[in-house]
Structures are given as structure tokens and as C-alpha cells.
Amino acid sequence: MNDNMFTIGKIVNTHGIKGEVKVLRISDFDERFNPGELVYVFKDEQPIKLKIAAHRIHKGFDLLQFEGYGNINLVESFKGCELKIGEDQLSELDEDEFYYHEIIGCEVFTADERRLGKIKEILSPGANDVWVVKQESGKDLLIPYIEQVVKNIDIDSRKVVIEPMEGLLD
């Protein structure tokens, strides 16, 4: 079962005394946290199946409440645990859309085959996602996921080709 589970967030803390947990979102879809959705908390490698009872945003974090867990003592032990979903819960994507887990770990090259590094995380600051590329040396590169820059994504060979804008690689 673990093989086909995908992380959508991490429980970083509890919130209040009514069983809410504070989640650092890793998911690319807002509807993951809709009430009624099923998620799994991984505690000691064992998945615990939970149904979301309530969801709200507070200071940039997702606050979730689970059905049957209406008390801080019941969720205290979830701190630090990852939230996951099963493969069958993945949303259908359009042709030019990708899951975060498909992009993270891809190697990034320029059009002239210069290897820049590996995508280590994805930021969603606003209008477009930004891919963080870890270089062998030097600081991380921030690559905006826009048509002018990202030219080709080959998920099967884990390779992304970009056309850097001026100043992007400085």
C-alpha cells in the first residue's frame, strides 16, 4: 500500500483544543482538504485512515479537523506525521499539468544540454509555481513554471528542459 501513496501535507502542530491540526500543505489541489475527503496519517509507518470533518486556512496553514477526533488529546500524536492519499485519489490532469511528485526529482537542463541540477521543491507564491533547483554547487535556482522558460517536461526520463531568461542563472 505504501508504494502508491502520495504525500499531500505534513502535520506540523495541533491548533486549539478541539482536535484541529495545522498542516503544511504539499498538495497541488485545494480540494484535497474538502470536508468528506479521506486522507491517511502515517504514524510509525502505519496508515491511519481519516475523514476530514472541517477545513479552514489560518495564517497560511491549512487547519484540518477529522471525524471522530474532536479533542486535542486524540490528535496530539499526529504531530510530525505526513498526510497521504492513495493513488486512486489522484485527480485527472490535463495534458500540460503534472503532479508535484512527478516534477520533484527531475533533472533540469538548458536547451544546449547544460545540466543545472535537480528539482527539490515547488513553491506556489502566486500566479505561477516556482521550481527550486538544487545545483551541485552554489545557491538554489528558482525557475518560474511559465511557457517562456519551461520548454519540455519528460516525466518518463525525469528530465526538464528550460530556456533561461536573462538573469535567471546569475
C-alpha atoms as a PDB file:
ATOM      1  CA  MET A   1       0.000   0.000   0.000  1.00  0.00           C
ATOM      2  CA  ASN A   2       2.849   2.393   0.830  1.00  0.00           C
ATOM      3  CA  ASP A   3       4.168   2.209  -2.710  1.00  0.00           C
ATOM      4  CA  ASN A   4       1.217   4.027  -4.159  1.00  0.00           C
ATOM      5  CA  MET A   5       0.662   6.650  -1.512  1.00  0.00           C
ATOM      6  CA  PHE A   6       1.340  10.301  -2.210  1.00  0.00           C
ATOM      7  CA  THR A   7       2.164  12.910   0.387  1.00  0.00           C
ATOM      8  CA  ILE A   8      -0.150  15.926   0.371  1.00  0.00           C
ATOM      9  CA  GLY A   9       0.986  17.586   3.568  1.00  0.00           C
ATOM     10  CA  LYS A  10       2.665  17.342   6.927  1.00  0.00           C
ATOM     11  CA  ILE A  11       1.034  17.869  10.296  1.00  0.00           C
ATOM     12  CA  VAL A  12       3.257  20.420  11.999  1.00  0.00           C
ATOM     13  CA  ASN A  13       1.227  21.038  15.140  1.00  0.00           C
ATOM     14  CA  THR A  14      -2.111  20.918  16.884  1.00  0.00           C
ATOM     15  CA  HIS A  15      -4.294  24.034  16.990  1.00  0.00           C
ATOM     16  CA  GLY A  16      -6.591  24.824  19.890  1.00  0.00           C
ATOM     17  CA  ILE A  17      -8.163  22.085  21.974  1.00  0.00           C
ATOM     18  CA  LYS A  18     -10.894  20.829  19.643  1.00  0.00           C
ATOM     19  CA  GLY A  19      -8.742  18.446  17.640  1.00  0.00           C
ATOM     20  CA  GLU A  20      -7.636  20.736  14.837  1.00  0.00           C
ATOM     21  CA  VAL A  21      -4.237  20.062  13.301  1.00  0.00           C
ATOM     22  CA  LYS A  22      -2.022  22.552  11.494  1.00  0.00           C
ATOM     23  CA  VAL A  23      -0.922  21.242   8.102  1.00  0.00           C
ATOM     24  CA  LEU A  24       1.943  22.390   5.929  1.00  0.00           C
ATOM     25  CA  ARG A  25       0.474  21.791   2.501  1.00  0.00           C
ATOM     26  CA  ILE A  26       2.466  19.905  -0.119  1.00  0.00           C
ATOM     27  CA  SER A  27      -0.527  19.226  -2.334  1.00  0.00           C
ATOM     28  CA  ASP A  28      -1.250  20.913  -5.607  1.00  0.00           C
ATOM     29  CA  PHE A  29      -5.032  20.753  -5.246  1.00  0.00           C
ATOM     30  CA  ASP A  30      -7.176  22.733  -2.837  1.00  0.00           C
ATOM     31  CA  GLU A  31      -9.968  20.178  -2.915  1.00  0.00           C
ATOM     32  CA  ARG A  32      -7.703  17.602  -1.197  1.00  0.00           C
ATOM     33  CA  PHE A  33      -8.781  19.148   2.089  1.00  0.00           C
ATOM     34  CA  ASN A  34     -12.518  19.387   1.460  1.00  0.00           C
ATOM     35  CA  PRO A  35     -14.723  18.003   4.254  1.00  0.00           C
ATOM     36  CA  GLY A  36     -15.606  14.413   3.437  1.00  0.00           C
ATOM     37  CA  GLU A  37     -12.273  13.679   1.714  1.00  0.00           C
ATOM     38  CA  LEU A  38     -10.297  10.706   3.003  1.00  0.00           C
ATOM     39  CA  VAL A  39      -6.657  11.064   3.955  1.00  0.00           C
ATOM     40  CA  TYR A  40      -4.150   8.842   5.690  1.00  0.00           C
ATOM     41  CA  VAL A  41      -1.913   9.860   8.553  1.00  0.00           C
ATOM     42  CA  PHE A  42       1.296   7.871   8.651  1.00  0.00           C
ATOM     43  CA  LYS A  43       2.254   7.186  12.234  1.00  0.00           C
ATOM     44  CA  ASP A  44       5.023   4.675  12.952  1.00  0.00           C
ATOM     45  CA  GLU A  45       4.754   3.587   9.288  1.00  0.00           C
ATOM     46  CA  GLN A  46       1.132   2.555   9.880  1.00  0.00           C
ATOM     47  CA  PRO A  47      -1.525   4.379   7.865  1.00  0.00           C
ATOM     48  CA  ILE A  48      -4.499   5.647   9.869  1.00  0.00           C
ATOM     49  CA  LYS A  49      -7.498   6.372   7.652  1.00  0.00           C
ATOM     50  CA  LEU A  50      -9.185   9.666   8.499  1.00  0.00           C
ATOM     51  CA  LYS A  51     -12.141  11.565   7.119  1.00  0.00           C
ATOM     52  CA  ILE A  52     -11.854  15.344   7.018  1.00  0.00           C
ATOM     53  CA  ALA A  53     -14.643  16.947   9.047  1.00  0.00           C
ATOM     54  CA  ALA A  54     -13.638  20.592   8.639  1.00  0.00           C
ATOM     55  CA  HIS A  55     -11.034  22.695   6.871  1.00  0.00           C
ATOM     56  CA  ARG A  56     -10.021  26.335   7.121  1.00  0.00           C
ATOM     57  CA  ILE A  57      -6.970  28.425   6.349  1.00  0.00           C
ATOM     58  CA  HIS A  58      -5.233  30.227   9.203  1.00  0.00           C
ATOM     59  CA  LYS A  59      -2.061  32.309   8.787  1.00  0.00           C
ATOM     60  CA  GLY A  60      -1.044  30.452   5.633  1.00  0.00           C
ATOM     61  CA  PHE A  61      -1.553  26.977   7.069  1.00  0.00           C
ATOM     62  CA  ASP A  62      -4.376  24.549   6.446  1.00  0.00           C
ATOM     63  CA  LEU A  63      -6.234  23.650   9.624  1.00  0.00           C
ATOM     64  CA  LEU A  64      -7.981  20.291   9.466  1.00  0.00           C
ATOM     65  CA  GLN A  65     -10.343  18.524  11.784  1.00  0.00           C
ATOM     66  CA  PHE A  66     -11.014  14.804  11.436  1.00  0.00           C
ATOM     67  CA  GLU A  67     -14.278  12.995  12.068  1.00  0.00           C
ATOM     68  CA  GLY A  68     -14.241  11.351  15.476  1.00  0.00           C
ATOM     69  CA  TYR A  69     -11.153  13.285  16.598  1.00  0.00           C
ATOM     70  CA  GLY A  70     -12.756  16.276  18.292  1.00  0.00           C
ATOM     71  CA  ASN A  71     -10.189  16.621  21.039  1.00  0.00           C
ATOM     72  CA  ILE A  72      -6.552  17.723  21.173  1.00  0.00           C
ATOM     73  CA  ASN A  73      -5.547  14.556  23.057  1.00  0.00           C
ATOM     74  CA  LEU A  74      -6.639  12.396  20.127  1.00  0.00           C
ATOM     75  CA  VAL A  75      -4.519  14.252  17.572  1.00  0.00           C
ATOM     76  CA  GLU A  76      -1.503  15.189  19.711  1.00  0.00           C
ATOM     77  CA  SER A  77       0.389  12.129  18.496  1.00  0.00           C
ATOM     78  CA  PHE A  78      -0.111  13.095  14.829  1.00  0.00           C
ATOM     79  CA  LYS A  79       2.442  15.927  15.143  1.00  0.00           C
ATOM     80  CA  GLY A  80       5.222  15.483  12.599  1.00  0.00           C
ATOM     81  CA  CYS A  81       3.286  12.848  10.656  1.00  0.00           C
ATOM     82  CA  GLU A  82       2.755  13.000   6.915  1.00  0.00           C
ATOM     83  CA  LEU A  83      -0.691  13.167   5.361  1.00  0.00           C
ATOM     84  CA  LYS A  84      -1.075  10.968   2.315  1.00  0.00           C
ATOM     85  CA  ILE A  85      -3.649   9.880  -0.205  1.00  0.00           C
ATOM     86  CA  GLY A  86      -3.939   6.723  -2.261  1.00  0.00           C
ATOM     87  CA  GLU A  87      -3.137   6.576  -5.946  1.00  0.00           C
ATOM     88  CA  ASP A  88      -6.817   6.117  -6.752  1.00  0.00           C
ATOM     89  CA  GLN A  89      -7.488   9.545  -5.231  1.00  0.00           C
ATOM     90  CA  LEU A  90      -5.200  11.366  -7.653  1.00  0.00           C
ATOM     91  CA  SER A  91      -7.107  13.835  -9.799  1.00  0.00           C
ATOM     92  CA  GLU A  92      -7.259  13.538 -13.563  1.00  0.00           C
ATOM     93  CA  LEU A  93      -4.919  16.073 -15.106  1.00  0.00           C
ATOM     94  CA  ASP A  94      -4.900  17.983 -18.344  1.00  0.00           C
ATOM     95  CA  GLU A  95      -2.143  17.220 -20.820  1.00  0.00           C
ATOM     96  CA  ASP A  96       0.102  20.067 -19.678  1.00  0.00           C
ATOM     97  CA  GLU A  97      -0.440  19.511 -15.960  1.00  0.00           C
ATOM     98  CA  PHE A  98       1.706  17.456 -13.630  1.00  0.00           C
ATOM     99  CA  TYR A  99       1.670  16.319 -10.047  1.00  0.00           C
ATOM    100  CA  TYR A 100       4.269  17.803  -7.752  1.00  0.00           C
ATOM    101  CA  HIS A 101       5.677  14.338  -7.059  1.00  0.00           C
ATOM    102  CA  GLU A 102       6.272  13.849 -10.798  1.00  0.00           C
ATOM    103  CA  ILE A 103       8.259  17.079 -11.104  1.00  0.00           C
ATOM    104  CA  ILE A 104      10.270  16.877  -7.883  1.00  0.00           C
ATOM    105  CA  GLY A 105      13.443  14.910  -8.518  1.00  0.00           C
ATOM    106  CA  CYS A 106      13.589  15.700 -12.235  1.00  0.00           C
ATOM    107  CA  GLU A 107      16.927  16.813 -13.676  1.00  0.00           C
ATOM    108  CA  VAL A 108      16.938  20.263 -15.232  1.00  0.00           C
ATOM    109  CA  PHE A 109      18.886  21.071 -18.388  1.00  0.00           C
ATOM    110  CA  THR A 110      19.201  24.117 -20.593  1.00  0.00           C
ATOM    111  CA  ALA A 111      18.321  23.795 -24.275  1.00  0.00           C
ATOM    112  CA  ASP A 112      22.040  23.397 -25.019  1.00  0.00           C
ATOM    113  CA  GLU A 113      22.209  20.342 -22.732  1.00  0.00           C
ATOM    114  CA  ARG A 114      23.861  22.054 -19.761  1.00  0.00           C
ATOM    115  CA  ARG A 115      22.815  20.265 -16.563  1.00  0.00           C
ATOM    116  CA  LEU A 116      21.636  22.726 -13.938  1.00  0.00           C
ATOM    117  CA  GLY A 117      20.599  20.380 -11.135  1.00  0.00           C
ATOM    118  CA  LYS A 118      17.624  18.597  -9.667  1.00  0.00           C
ATOM    119  CA  ILE A 119      14.199  19.982  -8.716  1.00  0.00           C
ATOM    120  CA  LYS A 120      13.965  19.688  -4.928  1.00  0.00           C
ATOM    121  CA  GLU A 121      10.726  21.518  -4.183  1.00  0.00           C
ATOM    122  CA  ILE A 122       7.895  23.531  -5.663  1.00  0.00           C
ATOM    123  CA  LEU A 123       6.759  26.864  -4.301  1.00  0.00           C
ATOM    124  CA  SER A 124       3.335  28.341  -5.021  1.00  0.00           C
ATOM    125  CA  PRO A 125       3.817  32.019  -4.247  1.00  0.00           C
ATOM    126  CA  GLY A 126       1.208  33.385  -6.605  1.00  0.00           C
ATOM    127  CA  ALA A 127       0.343  33.433 -10.276  1.00  0.00           C
ATOM    128  CA  ASN A 128       2.673  30.597 -11.219  1.00  0.00           C
ATOM    129  CA  ASP A 129       4.590  27.877  -9.413  1.00  0.00           C
ATOM    130  CA  VAL A 130       8.309  28.262  -8.889  1.00  0.00           C
ATOM    131  CA  TRP A 131      10.567  25.229  -9.099  1.00  0.00           C
ATOM    132  CA  VAL A 132      13.530  25.179  -6.732  1.00  0.00           C
ATOM    133  CA  VAL A 133      16.544  23.542  -8.372  1.00  0.00           C
ATOM    134  CA  LYS A 134      19.432  22.328  -6.245  1.00  0.00           C
ATOM    135  CA  GLN A 135      22.711  22.872  -8.045  1.00  0.00           C
ATOM    136  CA  GLU A 136      25.857  20.822  -7.411  1.00  0.00           C
ATOM    137  CA  SER A 137      27.440  23.966  -6.036  1.00  0.00           C
ATOM    138  CA  GLY A 138      26.183  27.442  -5.413  1.00  0.00           C
ATOM    139  CA  LYS A 139      22.772  28.570  -4.339  1.00  0.00           C
ATOM    140  CA  ASP A 140      19.451  27.086  -5.410  1.00  0.00           C
ATOM    141  CA  LEU A 141      17.966  28.276  -8.691  1.00  0.00           C
ATOM    142  CA  LEU A 142      14.383  29.491  -8.779  1.00  0.00           C
ATOM    143  CA  ILE A 143      12.703  28.600 -12.055  1.00  0.00           C
ATOM    144  CA  PRO A 144       9.278  30.058 -12.785  1.00  0.00           C
ATOM    145  CA  TYR A 145       6.941  27.475 -14.293  1.00  0.00           C
ATOM    146  CA  ILE A 146       5.890  29.553 -17.305  1.00  0.00           C
ATOM    147  CA  GLU A 147       5.861  28.792 -21.024  1.00  0.00           C
ATOM    148  CA  GLN A 148       8.694  31.170 -21.860  1.00  0.00           C
ATOM    149  CA  VAL A 149      11.041  29.300 -19.525  1.00  0.00           C
ATOM    150  CA  VAL A 150       9.975  25.646 -19.253  1.00  0.00           C
ATOM    151  CA  LYS A 151      10.244  24.205 -22.739  1.00  0.00           C
ATOM    152  CA  ASN A 152       9.927  20.467 -22.261  1.00  0.00           C
ATOM    153  CA  ILE A 153       8.938  18.116 -19.457  1.00  0.00           C
ATOM    154  CA  ASP A 154       9.625  14.429 -19.906  1.00  0.00           C
ATOM    155  CA  ILE A 155       8.282  12.648 -16.841  1.00  0.00           C
ATOM    156  CA  ASP A 156       9.370   9.196 -18.035  1.00  0.00           C
ATOM    157  CA  SER A 157      13.019  10.167 -18.339  1.00  0.00           C
ATOM    158  CA  ARG A 158      12.748  12.581 -15.368  1.00  0.00           C
ATOM    159  CA  LYS A 159      14.098  15.435 -17.455  1.00  0.00           C
ATOM    160  CA  VAL A 160      13.070  19.068 -17.790  1.00  0.00           C
ATOM    161  CA  VAL A 161      14.475  21.446 -20.409  1.00  0.00           C
ATOM    162  CA  ILE A 162      14.385  25.170 -19.794  1.00  0.00           C
ATOM    163  CA  GLU A 163      15.228  28.297 -21.735  1.00  0.00           C
ATOM    164  CA  PRO A 164      16.634  30.579 -19.030  1.00  0.00           C
ATOM    165  CA  MET A 165      15.503  34.196 -19.096  1.00  0.00           C
ATOM    166  CA  GLU A 166      18.119  36.858 -18.672  1.00  0.00           C
ATOM    167  CA  GLY A 167      19.342  36.978 -15.092  1.00  0.00           C
ATOM    168  CA  LEU A 168      17.759  33.641 -14.180  1.00  0.00           C
ATOM    169  CA  LEU A 169      21.042  31.764 -13.743  1.00  0.00           C
ATOM    170  CA  ASP A 170      23.066  34.603 -12.173  1.00  0.00           C
END
